[in-house]
Amino acid sequence: MEIRIGIANTGRELSFETNETAADVRKSVASALDAGATHVSFTDVKGNSYIVPSAGLAFVEIGTEESRRVGFVA
């Protein structure tokens, strides 16, 4: 699943793919914001970790869990 994160006062977005489900990502972001945590952490499919300050979150876009199609569409 692809995740895009917008960070306030930054011109670029953080974009990566993760093996977590959409519900798990939503739950971790919501619980961090509700608890007033200083950061939210994610791990991508390659094992890289991302730590994003929760105060700087502009948006979190969670992609669909549908696999991408390969080939031409008629």
Protein backbone atom coordinates (compact mmCIF):
# COMPACT_ATOMS: atom_id res chain seq x y z
CA MET A 1 0.00 0.00 0.00
CA GLU A 2 1.29 3.45 -0.90
CA ILE A 3 1.39 6.22 1.70
CA ARG A 4 1.97 9.91 1.00
CA ILE A 5 2.66 12.27 3.87
CA GLY A 6 2.65 16.04 3.58
CA ILE A 7 4.83 17.87 6.07
CA ALA A 8 4.11 21.50 6.94
CA ASN A 9 6.57 24.11 5.62
CA THR A 10 8.19 21.56 3.31
CA GLY A 11 7.93 21.61 -0.47
CA ARG A 12 8.15 17.86 -0.89
CA GLU A 13 6.04 14.95 0.23
CA LEU A 14 7.20 11.75 1.83
CA SER A 15 6.01 8.84 -0.31
CA PHE A 16 6.65 5.14 0.27
CA GLU A 17 5.01 1.70 0.19
CA THR A 18 4.31 -0.35 3.28
CA ASN A 19 3.05 -3.82 4.10
CA GLU A 20 0.73 -2.47 6.83
CA THR A 21 -3.00 -2.39 6.20
CA ALA A 22 -4.90 0.87 5.78
CA ALA A 23 -6.62 0.32 9.12
CA ASP A 24 -3.27 -0.11 10.90
CA VAL A 25 -1.84 3.08 9.37
CA ARG A 26 -5.00 5.03 10.21
CA LYS A 27 -4.95 3.70 13.77
CA SER A 28 -1.29 4.56 14.39
CA VAL A 29 -1.67 8.13 13.05
CA ALA A 30 -4.92 8.74 14.94
CA SER A 31 -3.61 7.35 18.22
CA ALA A 32 -0.42 9.43 17.96
CA LEU A 33 -2.43 12.60 17.33
CA ASP A 34 -4.96 11.84 20.08
CA ALA A 35 -2.25 11.05 22.62
CA GLY A 36 -0.25 14.15 21.76
CA ALA A 37 2.80 12.12 20.75
CA THR A 38 5.76 14.06 19.36
CA HIS A 39 6.20 11.77 16.35
CA VAL A 40 4.70 9.00 14.22
CA SER A 41 6.88 6.23 12.83
CA PHE A 42 6.41 4.09 9.73
CA THR A 43 8.33 1.24 8.10
CA ASP A 44 8.35 0.67 4.33
CA VAL A 45 8.53 -2.59 2.36
CA LYS A 46 12.34 -2.39 2.21
CA GLY A 47 12.69 -2.09 5.98
CA ASN A 48 13.47 1.64 6.05
CA SER A 49 12.03 3.56 9.01
CA TYR A 50 10.49 7.03 8.79
CA ILE A 51 9.90 9.23 11.82
CA VAL A 52 7.64 12.21 11.18
CA PRO A 53 6.93 14.90 13.77
CA SER A 54 3.20 14.84 14.47
CA ALA A 55 3.06 18.62 14.86
CA GLY A 56 4.30 18.96 11.26
CA LEU A 57 1.73 16.65 9.65
CA ALA A 58 -0.15 18.49 6.91
CA PHE A 59 -1.90 15.38 5.52
CA VAL A 60 -1.60 11.60 5.31
CA GLU A 61 -2.88 9.97 2.13
CA ILE A 62 -3.42 6.24 2.36
CA GLY A 63 -3.59 4.46 -0.99
CA THR A 64 -5.73 1.50 -1.86
CA GLU A 65 -4.69 -2.03 -1.14
CA GLU A 66 -5.50 -3.07 -4.72
CA SER A 67 -2.52 -4.30 -6.70
CA ARG A 68 -1.56 -2.37 -9.80
CA ARG A 69 -2.51 -3.70 -13.20
CA VAL A 70 0.17 -4.54 -15.69
CA GLY A 71 -0.31 -4.25 -19.44
CA PHE A 72 -2.55 -2.32 -21.75
CA VAL A 73 -6.22 -1.64 -21.17
CA ALA A 74 -8.51 -2.21 -24.16
